Amino acid sequence: MRRDGGSVTVELALALPAVAVLLALALGALRWTLDAAVAQEAAATAARVALVEGDEAGAVAGERFSGGRAALTLTRDGDWWVAVAVMDAPAPWPDARATARALQP
């Protein structure tokens, strides 16, 4: 009769760090995706509000939409409002930023 009781423990000890790293990367990618969606909506909101109420109101609306987490830049290019939202996304890798750009005529 062979005794394999310790081999399962060793295999688990070797595989668990890899699983933890993969899980951290997957959760970081999910968080970045959600932040990118928020940045896109904040930029779109800022551009729409700026079209109707002006640039200051657009900047305030975009920052409120993102909960104050997005750095928002609102400029005018001819007849178009251009809003750019940049969010630093907490992730396992450094310098993870979600950037979005929106235009309104």
C-alpha atoms as a PDB file:
ATOM      1  CA  MET A   1       0.000   0.000   0.000  1.00  0.00           C
ATOM      2  CA  ARG A   2       1.369   3.421  -0.994  1.00  0.00           C
ATOM      3  CA  ARG A   3       0.968   6.501   1.179  1.00  0.00           C
ATOM      4  CA  ASP A   4       0.229   9.692  -0.846  1.00  0.00           C
ATOM      5  CA  GLY A   5      -1.169  11.851   1.940  1.00  0.00           C
ATOM      6  CA  GLY A   6       1.587  14.477   1.831  1.00  0.00           C
ATOM      7  CA  SER A   7       1.707  14.888  -1.952  1.00  0.00           C
ATOM      8  CA  VAL A   8      -1.675  16.631  -2.089  1.00  0.00           C
ATOM      9  CA  THR A   9      -0.514  19.169   0.469  1.00  0.00           C
ATOM     10  CA  VAL A  10       2.672  19.868  -1.473  1.00  0.00           C
ATOM     11  CA  GLU A  11       0.781  20.238  -4.760  1.00  0.00           C
ATOM     12  CA  LEU A  12      -1.658  22.663  -3.154  1.00  0.00           C
ATOM     13  CA  ALA A  13       1.187  24.675  -1.621  1.00  0.00           C
ATOM     14  CA  LEU A  14       2.817  24.979  -5.052  1.00  0.00           C
ATOM     15  CA  ALA A  15      -0.379  25.801  -6.980  1.00  0.00           C
ATOM     16  CA  LEU A  16      -2.003  28.233  -4.520  1.00  0.00           C
ATOM     17  CA  PRO A  17       0.306  31.229  -5.227  1.00  0.00           C
ATOM     18  CA  ALA A  18      -0.323  30.909  -8.963  1.00  0.00           C
ATOM     19  CA  VAL A  19      -4.077  30.840  -8.393  1.00  0.00           C
ATOM     20  CA  ALA A  20      -3.821  33.890  -6.109  1.00  0.00           C
ATOM     21  CA  VAL A  21      -1.845  35.833  -8.748  1.00  0.00           C
ATOM     22  CA  LEU A  22      -4.337  34.938 -11.481  1.00  0.00           C
ATOM     23  CA  LEU A  23      -7.228  35.983  -9.256  1.00  0.00           C
ATOM     24  CA  ALA A  24      -5.546  39.328  -8.451  1.00  0.00           C
ATOM     25  CA  LEU A  25      -4.942  39.996 -12.144  1.00  0.00           C
ATOM     26  CA  ALA A  26      -8.527  39.116 -13.051  1.00  0.00           C
ATOM     27  CA  LEU A  27      -9.943  41.368 -10.327  1.00  0.00           C
ATOM     28  CA  GLY A  28      -7.586  44.185 -11.350  1.00  0.00           C
ATOM     29  CA  ALA A  29      -8.685  43.891 -14.973  1.00  0.00           C
ATOM     30  CA  LEU A  30     -12.327  43.957 -13.904  1.00  0.00           C
ATOM     31  CA  ARG A  31     -11.731  47.057 -11.776  1.00  0.00           C
ATOM     32  CA  TRP A  32      -9.936  48.792 -14.662  1.00  0.00           C
ATOM     33  CA  THR A  33     -12.831  47.937 -16.992  1.00  0.00           C
ATOM     34  CA  LEU A  34     -15.344  49.434 -14.568  1.00  0.00           C
ATOM     35  CA  ASP A  35     -13.211  52.568 -14.126  1.00  0.00           C
ATOM     36  CA  ALA A  36     -12.911  52.916 -17.904  1.00  0.00           C
ATOM     37  CA  ALA A  37     -16.706  52.809 -18.197  1.00  0.00           C
ATOM     38  CA  VAL A  38     -17.072  55.457 -15.483  1.00  0.00           C
ATOM     39  CA  ALA A  39     -14.442  57.646 -17.184  1.00  0.00           C
ATOM     40  CA  GLN A  40     -16.268  57.341 -20.514  1.00  0.00           C
ATOM     41  CA  GLU A  41     -19.597  58.311 -19.001  1.00  0.00           C
ATOM     42  CA  ALA A  42     -18.030  61.191 -17.050  1.00  0.00           C
ATOM     43  CA  ALA A  43     -16.459  62.561 -20.237  1.00  0.00           C
ATOM     44  CA  ALA A  44     -19.710  62.186 -22.164  1.00  0.00           C
ATOM     45  CA  THR A  45     -21.691  63.872 -19.388  1.00  0.00           C
ATOM     46  CA  ALA A  46     -19.216  66.750 -19.204  1.00  0.00           C
ATOM     47  CA  ALA A  47     -19.352  67.305 -22.965  1.00  0.00           C
ATOM     48  CA  ARG A  48     -23.174  67.224 -23.053  1.00  0.00           C
ATOM     49  CA  VAL A  49     -23.574  69.616 -20.139  1.00  0.00           C
ATOM     50  CA  ALA A  50     -20.896  71.944 -21.535  1.00  0.00           C
ATOM     51  CA  LEU A  51     -22.791  72.082 -24.825  1.00  0.00           C
ATOM     52  CA  VAL A  52     -25.897  73.394 -23.064  1.00  0.00           C
ATOM     53  CA  GLU A  53     -24.643  75.227 -19.966  1.00  0.00           C
ATOM     54  CA  GLY A  54     -20.973  76.069 -20.602  1.00  0.00           C
ATOM     55  CA  ASP A  55     -17.579  74.690 -19.696  1.00  0.00           C
ATOM     56  CA  GLU A  56     -17.668  75.264 -15.927  1.00  0.00           C
ATOM     57  CA  ALA A  57     -20.976  73.462 -15.531  1.00  0.00           C
ATOM     58  CA  GLY A  58     -19.706  70.653 -17.769  1.00  0.00           C
ATOM     59  CA  ALA A  59     -16.572  70.174 -15.689  1.00  0.00           C
ATOM     60  CA  VAL A  60     -18.594  70.082 -12.473  1.00  0.00           C
ATOM     61  CA  ALA A  61     -21.059  67.566 -13.940  1.00  0.00           C
ATOM     62  CA  GLY A  62     -18.273  65.280 -15.157  1.00  0.00           C
ATOM     63  CA  GLU A  63     -16.476  65.370 -11.811  1.00  0.00           C
ATOM     64  CA  ARG A  64     -19.712  64.673  -9.935  1.00  0.00           C
ATOM     65  CA  PHE A  65     -20.485  61.726 -12.192  1.00  0.00           C
ATOM     66  CA  SER A  66     -17.093  60.169 -11.471  1.00  0.00           C
ATOM     67  CA  GLY A  67     -17.364  60.856  -7.752  1.00  0.00           C
ATOM     68  CA  GLY A  68     -14.403  63.212  -7.918  1.00  0.00           C
ATOM     69  CA  ARG A  69     -12.054  60.415  -9.025  1.00  0.00           C
ATOM     70  CA  ALA A  70     -11.547  61.586 -12.621  1.00  0.00           C
ATOM     71  CA  ALA A  71      -9.233  64.355 -13.720  1.00  0.00           C
ATOM     72  CA  LEU A  72     -11.363  66.098 -16.316  1.00  0.00           C
ATOM     73  CA  THR A  73     -10.188  68.377 -19.107  1.00  0.00           C
ATOM     74  CA  LEU A  74     -12.789  70.249 -21.123  1.00  0.00           C
ATOM     75  CA  THR A  75     -11.777  72.223 -24.213  1.00  0.00           C
ATOM     76  CA  ARG A  76     -13.368  73.651 -27.310  1.00  0.00           C
ATOM     77  CA  ASP A  77     -12.171  72.696 -30.789  1.00  0.00           C
ATOM     78  CA  GLY A  78     -14.045  74.849 -33.268  1.00  0.00           C
ATOM     79  CA  ASP A  79     -17.724  74.010 -32.803  1.00  0.00           C
ATOM     80  CA  TRP A  80     -16.970  70.832 -30.822  1.00  0.00           C
ATOM     81  CA  TRP A  81     -16.653  70.340 -27.067  1.00  0.00           C
ATOM     82  CA  VAL A  82     -13.921  67.854 -26.229  1.00  0.00           C
ATOM     83  CA  ALA A  83     -13.936  66.230 -22.786  1.00  0.00           C
ATOM     84  CA  VAL A  84     -11.124  63.958 -21.601  1.00  0.00           C
ATOM     85  CA  ALA A  85     -11.445  62.033 -18.336  1.00  0.00           C
ATOM     86  CA  VAL A  86      -8.479  60.231 -16.778  1.00  0.00           C
ATOM     87  CA  MET A  87      -8.853  57.959 -13.759  1.00  0.00           C
ATOM     88  CA  ASP A  88      -6.057  56.236 -11.866  1.00  0.00           C
ATOM     89  CA  ALA A  89      -7.313  52.707 -11.487  1.00  0.00           C
ATOM     90  CA  PRO A  90      -6.040  50.698  -8.517  1.00  0.00           C
ATOM     91  CA  ALA A  91      -4.683  47.507  -9.996  1.00  0.00           C
ATOM     92  CA  PRO A  92      -1.938  44.966  -9.362  1.00  0.00           C
ATOM     93  CA  TRP A  93       0.177  46.562 -12.091  1.00  0.00           C
ATOM     94  CA  PRO A  94       1.630  50.096 -11.834  1.00  0.00           C
ATOM     95  CA  ASP A  95       0.320  53.148 -13.695  1.00  0.00           C
ATOM     96  CA  ALA A  96      -3.057  51.676 -14.545  1.00  0.00           C
ATOM     97  CA  ARG A  97      -5.082  54.553 -15.971  1.00  0.00           C
ATOM     98  CA  ALA A  98      -8.495  54.576 -17.545  1.00  0.00           C
ATOM     99  CA  THR A  99      -8.749  57.342 -20.151  1.00  0.00           C
ATOM    100  CA  ALA A 100     -11.827  58.349 -22.122  1.00  0.00           C
ATOM    101  CA  ARG A 101     -12.569  61.063 -24.679  1.00  0.00           C
ATOM    102  CA  ALA A 102     -15.979  62.381 -25.690  1.00  0.00           C
ATOM    103  CA  LEU A 103     -17.033  64.918 -28.328  1.00  0.00           C
ATOM    104  CA  GLN A 104     -20.190  66.995 -28.644  1.00  0.00           C
ATOM    105  CA  PRO A 105     -20.986  69.319 -31.573  1.00  0.00           C
END
